[in-house]
Amino acid sequence: MSIREAFADRFGEGEAAKIEAAAEMHANGVNDGNKGSDPFKWAIAICIGYQCTEIDSYRAHHGITADHDEIKAWVYEHADLATHDGDVDYLTAFVGGYDGWYQAGAS
C-alpha cells in the first residue's frame, strides 16, 4: 500500500486530496521542481512547511478537517519522511520545522 493509500485509508480520500491540493497551491518553482519518488511525501512535506494542517485559519482555507495532532502522529509513524528524496520547504528545513515529523535515521 502506498503512503497516499494508507493516509486515505486512515483519514479519508477527501483529506488526502486536500493535502495534495494545498501542497500544489504552495508550489513555487523552488519547492516543486523535484517531487521525488513519492509525490505524496512531497505534498506532506510542503503542507508541514506551510503549516496547512496546524494553523486553524490555514486548515479552514484548505478545508482540512482531520486533527493536526493525529496527522502528525500518523506521519511520524507511517510516512517515513526521512526517506523523502525530493524538494521540501527549505526555510522550514533550515529552521528545524520538520523536527518531530519523522524518525531520524529511519529508512
C-alpha atoms as a PDB file:
ATOM      1  CA  MET A   1       0.000   0.000   0.000  1.00  0.00           C
ATOM      2  CA  SER A   2       1.379   3.407  -0.915  1.00  0.00           C
ATOM      3  CA  ILE A   3       1.754   6.201   1.633  1.00  0.00           C
ATOM      4  CA  ARG A   4      -1.113   8.048  -0.068  1.00  0.00           C
ATOM      5  CA  GLU A   5      -3.361   4.984   0.055  1.00  0.00           C
ATOM      6  CA  ALA A   6      -2.517   4.450   3.719  1.00  0.00           C
ATOM      7  CA  PHE A   7      -3.217   8.123   4.504  1.00  0.00           C
ATOM      8  CA  ALA A   8      -6.552   7.949   2.652  1.00  0.00           C
ATOM      9  CA  ASP A   9      -7.374   4.713   4.462  1.00  0.00           C
ATOM     10  CA  ARG A  10      -6.821   6.440   7.815  1.00  0.00           C
ATOM     11  CA  PHE A  11      -8.172   9.960   7.134  1.00  0.00           C
ATOM     12  CA  GLY A  12     -10.319   9.552   4.024  1.00  0.00           C
ATOM     13  CA  GLU A  13      -9.819  10.168   0.337  1.00  0.00           C
ATOM     14  CA  GLY A  14     -11.066  13.736   0.696  1.00  0.00           C
ATOM     15  CA  GLU A  15      -8.379  14.615   3.232  1.00  0.00           C
ATOM     16  CA  ALA A  16      -5.665  13.079   1.041  1.00  0.00           C
ATOM     17  CA  ALA A  17      -6.884  15.145  -1.905  1.00  0.00           C
ATOM     18  CA  LYS A  18      -6.906  18.286   0.269  1.00  0.00           C
ATOM     19  CA  ILE A  19      -3.293  17.665   1.296  1.00  0.00           C
ATOM     20  CA  GLU A  20      -2.325  17.351  -2.366  1.00  0.00           C
ATOM     21  CA  ALA A  21      -4.271  20.460  -3.365  1.00  0.00           C
ATOM     22  CA  ALA A  22      -2.795  22.507  -0.507  1.00  0.00           C
ATOM     23  CA  ALA A  23       0.728  21.489  -1.496  1.00  0.00           C
ATOM     24  CA  GLU A  24       0.098  22.390  -5.133  1.00  0.00           C
ATOM     25  CA  MET A  25      -1.208  25.777  -4.010  1.00  0.00           C
ATOM     26  CA  HIS A  26       2.152  26.405  -2.335  1.00  0.00           C
ATOM     27  CA  ALA A  27       4.291  25.071  -5.202  1.00  0.00           C
ATOM     28  CA  ASN A  28       6.546  27.940  -6.169  1.00  0.00           C
ATOM     29  CA  GLY A  29       9.211  26.795  -8.597  1.00  0.00           C
ATOM     30  CA  VAL A  30      11.733  26.303  -5.794  1.00  0.00           C
ATOM     31  CA  ASN A  31       9.986  23.607  -3.800  1.00  0.00           C
ATOM     32  CA  ASP A  32       8.320  21.646  -6.597  1.00  0.00           C
ATOM     33  CA  GLY A  33      10.960  21.009  -9.258  1.00  0.00           C
ATOM     34  CA  ASN A  34      11.667  17.593  -7.791  1.00  0.00           C
ATOM     35  CA  LYS A  35       8.717  15.943  -6.094  1.00  0.00           C
ATOM     36  CA  GLY A  36      10.790  12.827  -5.544  1.00  0.00           C
ATOM     37  CA  SER A  37       9.875   9.204  -5.990  1.00  0.00           C
ATOM     38  CA  ASP A  38       6.716   9.595  -3.884  1.00  0.00           C
ATOM     39  CA  PRO A  39       4.793  12.780  -4.712  1.00  0.00           C
ATOM     40  CA  PHE A  40       2.517  12.321  -1.691  1.00  0.00           C
ATOM     41  CA  LYS A  41       5.532  12.547   0.625  1.00  0.00           C
ATOM     42  CA  TRP A  42       6.334  15.806  -1.167  1.00  0.00           C
ATOM     43  CA  ALA A  43       2.764  17.006  -0.560  1.00  0.00           C
ATOM     44  CA  ILE A  44       3.022  16.159   3.140  1.00  0.00           C
ATOM     45  CA  ALA A  45       6.391  17.918   3.393  1.00  0.00           C
ATOM     46  CA  ILE A  46       5.075  21.075   1.741  1.00  0.00           C
ATOM     47  CA  CYS A  47       1.982  21.091   3.965  1.00  0.00           C
ATOM     48  CA  ILE A  48       4.218  20.771   7.021  1.00  0.00           C
ATOM     49  CA  GLY A  49       6.310  23.684   5.809  1.00  0.00           C
ATOM     50  CA  TYR A  50       3.318  25.910   5.214  1.00  0.00           C
ATOM     51  CA  GLN A  51       1.556  24.691   8.391  1.00  0.00           C
ATOM     52  CA  CYS A  52      -1.533  23.733   6.390  1.00  0.00           C
ATOM     53  CA  THR A  53      -2.711  21.198   8.978  1.00  0.00           C
ATOM     54  CA  GLU A  54      -1.603  23.175  12.017  1.00  0.00           C
ATOM     55  CA  ILE A  55      -2.887  26.778  11.928  1.00  0.00           C
ATOM     56  CA  ASP A  56      -6.677  26.969  12.230  1.00  0.00           C
ATOM     57  CA  SER A  57      -7.123  29.629   9.541  1.00  0.00           C
ATOM     58  CA  TYR A  58      -4.868  27.683   7.147  1.00  0.00           C
ATOM     59  CA  ARG A  59      -6.774  24.476   7.867  1.00  0.00           C
ATOM     60  CA  ALA A  60     -10.026  26.269   7.102  1.00  0.00           C
ATOM     61  CA  HIS A  61      -8.612  27.813   3.927  1.00  0.00           C
ATOM     62  CA  HIS A  62      -7.612  24.371   2.627  1.00  0.00           C
ATOM     63  CA  GLY A  63     -10.681  22.582   4.018  1.00  0.00           C
ATOM     64  CA  ILE A  64      -8.571  20.210   6.085  1.00  0.00           C
ATOM     65  CA  THR A  65     -10.669  18.760   8.895  1.00  0.00           C
ATOM     66  CA  ALA A  66      -8.528  15.904  10.248  1.00  0.00           C
ATOM     67  CA  ASP A  67      -6.978  16.688  13.615  1.00  0.00           C
ATOM     68  CA  HIS A  68      -3.456  18.140  13.319  1.00  0.00           C
ATOM     69  CA  ASP A  69      -2.038  16.078  16.190  1.00  0.00           C
ATOM     70  CA  GLU A  70      -3.467  12.885  14.671  1.00  0.00           C
ATOM     71  CA  ILE A  71      -1.997  13.750  11.268  1.00  0.00           C
ATOM     72  CA  LYS A  72       1.386  14.495  12.827  1.00  0.00           C
ATOM     73  CA  ALA A  73       1.391  11.226  14.786  1.00  0.00           C
ATOM     74  CA  TRP A  74       0.355   9.282  11.678  1.00  0.00           C
ATOM     75  CA  VAL A  75       3.042  10.935   9.538  1.00  0.00           C
ATOM     76  CA  TYR A  76       5.664  10.184  12.194  1.00  0.00           C
ATOM     77  CA  GLU A  77       4.668   6.527  12.391  1.00  0.00           C
ATOM     78  CA  HIS A  78       3.821   5.750   8.763  1.00  0.00           C
ATOM     79  CA  ALA A  79       5.047   8.248   6.164  1.00  0.00           C
ATOM     80  CA  ASP A  80       8.786   7.601   6.596  1.00  0.00           C
ATOM     81  CA  LEU A  81       9.641  11.192   5.649  1.00  0.00           C
ATOM     82  CA  ALA A  82      13.314  10.551   6.384  1.00  0.00           C
ATOM     83  CA  THR A  83      13.405   8.738   3.036  1.00  0.00           C
ATOM     84  CA  HIS A  84      11.797  11.567   1.060  1.00  0.00           C
ATOM     85  CA  ASP A  85      14.084  12.220  -1.898  1.00  0.00           C
ATOM     86  CA  GLY A  86      12.502  15.339  -3.333  1.00  0.00           C
ATOM     87  CA  ASP A  87      12.101  19.004  -2.559  1.00  0.00           C
ATOM     88  CA  VAL A  88      10.808  20.341   0.740  1.00  0.00           C
ATOM     89  CA  ASP A  89      10.104  23.798   2.063  1.00  0.00           C
ATOM     90  CA  TYR A  90      13.748  24.774   2.502  1.00  0.00           C
ATOM     91  CA  LEU A  91      13.167  27.569   5.019  1.00  0.00           C
ATOM     92  CA  THR A  92      11.235  25.154   7.207  1.00  0.00           C
ATOM     93  CA  ALA A  93      14.057  22.639   6.912  1.00  0.00           C
ATOM     94  CA  PHE A  94      16.640  25.308   7.751  1.00  0.00           C
ATOM     95  CA  VAL A  95      14.876  26.338  10.966  1.00  0.00           C
ATOM     96  CA  GLY A  96      14.147  22.755  12.084  1.00  0.00           C
ATOM     97  CA  GLY A  97      10.440  22.808  11.312  1.00  0.00           C
ATOM     98  CA  TYR A  98      10.444  19.175  10.240  1.00  0.00           C
ATOM     99  CA  ASP A  99      11.785  18.006  13.601  1.00  0.00           C
ATOM    100  CA  GLY A 100       9.266  15.723  15.265  1.00  0.00           C
ATOM    101  CA  TRP A 101       7.633  14.760  11.963  1.00  0.00           C
ATOM    102  CA  TYR A 102       9.908  11.855  11.137  1.00  0.00           C
ATOM    103  CA  GLN A 103      12.139   9.347  12.780  1.00  0.00           C
ATOM    104  CA  ALA A 104      15.718  10.482  12.225  1.00  0.00           C
ATOM    105  CA  GLY A 105      17.781   7.789  10.615  1.00  0.00           C
ATOM    106  CA  ALA A 106      14.710   5.838   9.534  1.00  0.00           C
ATOM    107  CA  SER A 107      14.913   4.056   6.241  1.00  0.00           C
END
